[in-house]
Protein backbone atom coordinates (compact mmCIF):
# COMPACT_ATOMS: atom_id res chain seq x y z
CA MET A 1 43.40 -3.51 41.50
CA ARG A 2 40.24 -2.73 43.44
CA LYS A 3 39.51 0.19 41.11
CA ALA A 4 39.84 -2.07 38.05
CA LEU A 5 37.54 -4.66 39.58
CA LEU A 6 35.01 -1.98 40.44
CA MET A 7 35.06 -0.69 36.87
CA MET A 8 34.59 -4.22 35.53
CA VAL A 9 31.61 -4.77 37.81
CA MET A 10 30.07 -1.49 36.66
CA VAL A 11 30.56 -2.37 32.99
CA LEU A 12 29.07 -5.82 33.47
CA GLY A 13 26.13 -4.24 35.27
CA LEU A 14 25.48 -1.85 32.38
CA VAL A 15 25.75 -4.69 29.86
CA SER A 16 23.33 -6.77 31.92
CA GLN A 17 20.85 -3.86 32.06
CA ALA A 18 21.06 -3.32 28.30
CA TRP A 19 20.57 -7.04 27.68
CA ALA A 20 17.53 -7.09 29.96
CA ALA A 21 16.12 -4.04 28.15
CA ASP A 22 16.57 -5.79 24.80
CA ILE A 23 14.73 -8.86 26.09
CA GLU A 24 11.85 -6.70 27.32
CA LEU A 25 11.68 -4.91 23.96
CA ALA A 26 11.56 -8.26 22.15
CA LYS A 27 8.73 -9.45 24.40
CA LYS A 28 6.71 -6.34 23.50
CA SER A 29 7.21 -6.82 19.75
CA THR A 30 4.15 -7.29 17.56
CA LEU A 31 5.97 -10.31 16.19
CA GLU A 32 5.87 -11.99 19.59
CA GLY A 33 2.15 -11.30 19.87
CA ILE A 34 1.53 -12.82 16.44
CA LEU A 35 3.39 -16.00 17.36
CA GLN A 36 1.61 -16.33 20.69
CA ARG A 37 -1.85 -15.85 19.11
CA GLY A 38 -1.03 -18.03 16.14
CA GLU A 39 -2.60 -15.38 13.90
CA LEU A 40 -1.33 -12.63 11.61
CA ARG A 41 -3.98 -9.90 11.42
CA VAL A 42 -3.61 -7.94 8.19
CA GLY A 43 -5.40 -4.64 7.58
CA PHE A 44 -6.38 -3.56 4.07
CA GLU A 45 -9.22 -1.98 2.12
CA ALA A 46 -10.77 -4.34 -0.40
CA GLY A 47 -11.46 -2.64 -3.71
CA TYR A 48 -8.00 -1.36 -4.64
CA MET A 49 -7.32 -3.48 -7.70
CA PRO A 50 -5.13 -5.40 -8.28
CA PHE A 51 -3.82 -5.29 -4.71
CA GLU A 52 -6.88 -6.32 -2.68
CA MET A 53 -10.42 -7.07 -3.82
CA THR A 54 -13.23 -9.61 -3.53
CA ASN A 55 -13.82 -12.41 -6.01
CA GLN A 56 -17.18 -13.86 -7.03
CA LYS A 57 -17.02 -16.35 -4.15
CA GLY A 58 -16.70 -13.50 -1.65
CA GLU A 59 -13.03 -14.29 -0.97
CA PHE A 60 -10.33 -11.64 -0.58
CA VAL A 61 -7.78 -11.89 -3.38
CA GLY A 62 -5.03 -9.79 -4.95
CA PHE A 63 -1.33 -8.98 -4.91
CA ASP A 64 -1.24 -7.93 -1.25
CA VAL A 65 -3.42 -10.86 -0.20
CA ASP A 66 -1.04 -13.36 -1.80
CA MET A 67 1.94 -11.65 -0.15
CA ALA A 68 0.12 -11.80 3.19
CA LYS A 69 -0.48 -15.53 2.70
CA GLU A 70 3.23 -16.06 2.10
CA MET A 71 4.03 -13.98 5.19
CA ALA A 72 1.68 -15.96 7.43
CA LYS A 73 3.05 -19.22 6.03
CA ALA A 74 6.61 -18.11 6.80
CA MET A 75 5.56 -17.33 10.39
CA GLY A 76 3.69 -20.61 10.74
CA VAL A 77 0.46 -18.83 11.71
CA LYS A 78 -3.07 -18.34 10.37
CA LEU A 79 -3.84 -15.32 8.17
CA VAL A 80 -6.70 -13.16 9.46
CA PRO A 81 -7.74 -10.49 6.89
CA VAL A 82 -9.28 -7.33 8.34
CA ASN A 83 -11.11 -5.22 5.75
CA THR A 84 -10.98 -1.57 6.87
CA ALA A 85 -12.07 1.79 5.44
CA TRP A 86 -9.06 3.64 4.05
CA ASP A 87 -9.55 6.86 6.01
CA GLY A 88 -9.37 4.93 9.28
CA ILE A 89 -6.72 2.37 8.43
CA ILE A 90 -3.76 4.00 10.23
CA PRO A 91 -5.79 4.78 13.40
CA ALA A 92 -6.94 1.14 13.37
CA LEU A 93 -3.31 -0.04 13.29
CA LEU A 94 -2.38 2.31 16.13
CA THR A 95 -5.23 0.95 18.26
CA ASP A 96 -4.25 -2.69 17.68
CA LYS A 97 -7.11 -3.68 15.37
CA PHE A 98 -4.49 -5.56 13.34
CA ASP A 99 -0.72 -6.15 13.22
CA ILE A 100 0.25 -4.70 9.86
CA ILE A 101 -1.19 -2.70 6.96
CA MET A 102 -0.75 -4.41 3.59
CA SER A 103 -2.88 -2.25 1.33
CA GLY A 104 -0.84 -0.63 -1.42
CA MET A 105 0.11 2.23 0.89
CA THR A 106 2.44 4.87 -0.53
CA VAL A 107 5.30 5.88 1.74
CA THR A 108 4.91 9.58 2.53
CA GLN A 109 6.72 11.71 5.10
CA ASP A 110 3.43 12.55 6.80
CA ARG A 111 2.46 8.88 7.20
CA ASN A 112 5.99 8.05 8.33
CA LEU A 113 5.50 10.35 11.32
CA LYS A 114 2.78 7.98 12.53
CA VAL A 115 3.97 4.53 11.39
CA ASN A 116 7.13 2.73 10.32
CA PHE A 117 7.71 1.32 6.84
CA PRO A 118 10.13 -1.46 5.82
CA SER A 119 11.64 -1.23 2.34
CA PRO A 120 9.12 -0.74 -0.50
CA TYR A 121 7.81 -3.94 -2.08
CA ILE A 122 6.84 -2.20 -5.33
CA VAL A 123 7.25 1.26 -6.89
CA VAL A 124 4.41 2.85 -8.86
CA GLY A 125 3.30 6.34 -9.83
CA GLN A 126 0.25 8.38 -10.69
CA THR A 127 -1.15 8.15 -14.22
CA ILE A 128 -4.19 9.58 -15.97
CA ILE A 129 -7.27 8.23 -17.72
CA LEU A 130 -8.96 10.79 -19.99
CA ASN A 131 -12.41 11.11 -21.41
CA PRO A 132 -12.19 10.34 -25.18
CA LYS A 133 -13.07 13.95 -26.12
CA HIS A 134 -9.58 15.02 -25.01
CA LYS A 135 -7.70 12.60 -27.25
CA ASP A 136 -6.09 15.34 -29.35
CA THR A 137 -5.84 18.11 -26.78
CA VAL A 138 -4.40 16.61 -23.58
CA LYS A 139 -1.04 14.88 -23.89
CA SER A 140 0.32 15.30 -20.36
CA TYR A 141 -0.86 16.01 -16.83
CA LYS A 142 0.48 19.55 -17.31
CA ASP A 143 -2.16 20.21 -19.96
CA LEU A 144 -4.86 19.71 -17.31
CA ASN A 145 -3.64 22.60 -15.16
CA ASP A 146 -6.59 24.81 -16.03
CA PRO A 147 -9.89 25.48 -14.18
CA LYS A 148 -11.86 24.31 -17.21
CA TYR A 149 -10.73 20.72 -16.59
CA ILE A 150 -12.48 18.65 -13.90
CA VAL A 151 -10.08 16.14 -12.39
CA THR A 152 -11.14 13.27 -10.08
CA SER A 153 -9.47 10.87 -7.66
CA LYS A 154 -10.19 8.98 -4.46
CA LEU A 155 -10.48 10.81 -1.15
CA GLY A 156 -7.40 10.67 1.10
CA THR A 157 -5.06 9.08 -1.44
CA THR A 158 -1.82 10.13 -3.11
CA GLY A 159 -3.88 10.42 -6.30
CA GLU A 160 -5.78 13.25 -4.65
CA GLU A 161 -2.52 14.72 -3.38
CA ALA A 162 -0.95 14.60 -6.86
CA ALA A 163 -4.01 16.25 -8.44
CA LYS A 164 -3.96 19.08 -5.92
CA ASN A 165 -0.20 19.61 -5.96
CA ARG A 166 0.78 18.91 -9.58
CA ILE A 167 -2.26 20.39 -11.33
CA PRO A 168 -3.52 22.89 -8.73
CA LYS A 169 -5.40 25.10 -11.19
CA SER A 170 -7.68 22.26 -12.30
CA THR A 171 -11.13 21.82 -10.75
CA TYR A 172 -10.75 18.89 -8.39
CA LYS A 173 -13.50 16.49 -7.24
CA SER A 174 -12.92 13.68 -4.74
CA PHE A 175 -14.87 10.42 -4.40
CA GLU A 176 -15.19 7.67 -1.81
CA SER A 177 -14.06 4.94 -4.22
CA GLU A 178 -11.84 4.48 -7.26
CA GLN A 179 -14.77 3.22 -9.34
CA GLU A 180 -16.90 6.32 -8.64
CA ALA A 181 -14.05 8.65 -9.60
CA PHE A 182 -13.37 6.69 -12.79
CA LEU A 183 -17.05 6.51 -13.83
CA GLU A 184 -17.39 10.29 -13.44
CA VAL A 185 -14.85 10.62 -16.24
CA MET A 186 -16.18 7.76 -18.37
CA ASN A 187 -19.70 9.24 -18.19
CA GLY A 188 -18.43 12.63 -19.34
CA LYS A 189 -19.08 14.46 -16.07
CA ALA A 190 -15.35 15.01 -15.54
CA ASP A 191 -12.30 15.15 -17.79
CA ALA A 192 -9.53 13.15 -16.14
CA TYR A 193 -9.06 10.51 -13.44
CA VAL A 194 -5.74 10.49 -11.55
CA TYR A 195 -4.64 7.31 -9.76
CA ASP A 196 -1.95 4.65 -9.31
CA GLN A 197 -0.67 3.01 -12.49
CA PRO A 198 -1.52 -0.65 -11.61
CA ASN A 199 -5.12 0.26 -10.78
CA GLN A 200 -5.45 2.27 -13.99
CA VAL A 201 -4.23 -0.71 -16.05
CA VAL A 202 -7.02 -2.81 -14.53
CA LEU A 203 -9.70 -0.18 -15.17
CA MET A 204 -8.63 0.13 -18.79
CA ALA A 205 -8.76 -3.65 -19.22
CA GLN A 206 -12.19 -3.87 -17.57
CA GLN A 207 -14.07 -0.92 -19.07
CA GLY A 208 -11.84 1.89 -20.26
CA ALA A 209 -10.47 0.50 -23.52
CA SER A 210 -13.87 -0.61 -24.83
CA ALA A 211 -15.30 2.83 -23.99
CA GLY A 212 -12.53 4.57 -25.91
CA MET A 213 -10.92 6.08 -22.81
CA ILE A 214 -7.42 7.51 -23.26
CA PHE A 215 -4.69 6.18 -20.96
CA LEU A 216 -1.70 8.44 -20.30
CA ASP A 217 0.31 5.56 -18.87
CA GLN A 218 3.59 7.36 -18.13
CA PRO A 219 3.74 7.95 -14.33
CA PHE A 220 4.32 11.57 -13.34
CA THR A 221 5.11 10.83 -9.67
CA TYR A 222 7.45 8.45 -7.82
CA GLU A 223 5.55 6.36 -5.27
CA PRO A 224 7.10 3.51 -3.32
CA LEU A 225 4.48 1.24 -1.75
CA ALA A 226 5.30 -0.44 1.56
CA TRP A 227 3.73 -2.25 4.47
CA ALA A 228 3.10 -0.21 7.62
CA ILE A 229 3.64 -1.23 11.24
CA ASN A 230 3.63 0.49 14.61
CA LYS A 231 6.66 2.50 15.67
CA GLY A 232 9.14 1.25 18.26
CA ASP A 233 9.27 -2.33 16.97
CA PRO A 234 12.75 -3.09 15.53
CA ASP A 235 12.25 -6.87 15.77
CA PHE A 236 9.18 -6.88 13.51
CA LEU A 237 10.81 -4.41 11.12
CA ASN A 238 13.91 -6.62 10.88
CA TRP A 239 11.80 -9.73 10.21
CA LEU A 240 9.86 -7.95 7.43
CA GLU A 241 13.06 -6.75 5.75
CA ASN A 242 14.44 -10.27 5.67
CA PHE A 243 11.14 -11.76 4.52
CA LEU A 244 10.91 -9.28 1.63
CA ALA A 245 14.50 -9.97 0.55
CA GLN A 246 13.80 -13.71 0.61
CA VAL A 247 10.58 -13.67 -1.46
CA LYS A 248 12.11 -11.26 -3.99
CA ASN A 249 14.96 -13.67 -4.63
CA ASP A 250 13.39 -17.14 -4.47
CA GLY A 251 10.77 -16.76 -7.22
CA ARG A 252 7.67 -16.18 -5.06
CA TYR A 253 7.51 -12.42 -5.61
CA GLU A 254 7.94 -12.79 -9.37
CA ARG A 255 5.13 -15.34 -9.52
CA ILE A 256 2.76 -13.07 -7.58
CA TYR A 257 3.81 -9.99 -9.58
CA ASN A 258 3.25 -11.70 -12.93
CA LYS A 259 -0.17 -12.95 -11.85
CA TRP A 260 -1.61 -9.68 -10.52
CA ILE A 261 0.40 -6.83 -12.07
CA LYS A 262 1.40 -8.10 -15.50
CA GLY A 263 -1.54 -10.41 -16.09
CA THR A 264 -5.27 -9.61 -16.29
CA ASP A 265 -6.78 -13.14 -16.46
CA TRP A 266 -8.01 -12.73 -12.87
CA ILE A 267 -10.41 -9.92 -13.84
CA LYS A 268 -13.14 -12.34 -14.94
CA ASP A 269 -13.33 -13.78 -11.40
CA ILE A 270 -13.78 -10.42 -9.63
CA GLN A 271 -17.15 -9.14 -8.39
């Protein structure tokens, strides 16, 4: 009898310790910090159309911005946008400059070593915009795998990664912004621009089509985009999973998707 009672006490003690550990973990969650501050700090890099950009009034707008607004509303807190250079966006998250990255970030195994991703909120892929002179000669990304072709993309992106890995024999040039990389091709200084499909659609609608640029719109990579948060935070990850499931099934996601991804009416209001 005494042995049984002793075992019960030990089990209850272990359960109590585990419960206390769970409470401590919850207190350390980013989610708890957001609620206490009354602010959701969202990191992104303005300029990646149609996900985040600046309109003519100087306001941040785009697919990710609208999703962030819905997220802050669901938490009952104020949205605080934090515009950050892409090459420093993960280090900024790790040093608590903001709570979450919502910036069209592709889930890669390398990034996943540093941050955690909930389920993807959209899946895209790399596509190609060609200079008009290649209309009859380049039909696929494979045709560009030759040193005579100059291929551009943005520094530190999966567009750059795809160019280097999928067409390694091409002559690759990187640029600080999407616009610079695109203009290099439009001005005839390069042959092809590799980047995410949604951004390419925007560039074609803005300038590409009128300049006779050729859009190879069939993605040749699989790229799930997801939000990024710090590791070791199951509570925040769980909340994000449930939030994403909710907005994807109550009409909010479809409304935002149709506005920014399918539609192009917003282009006239962008800087």
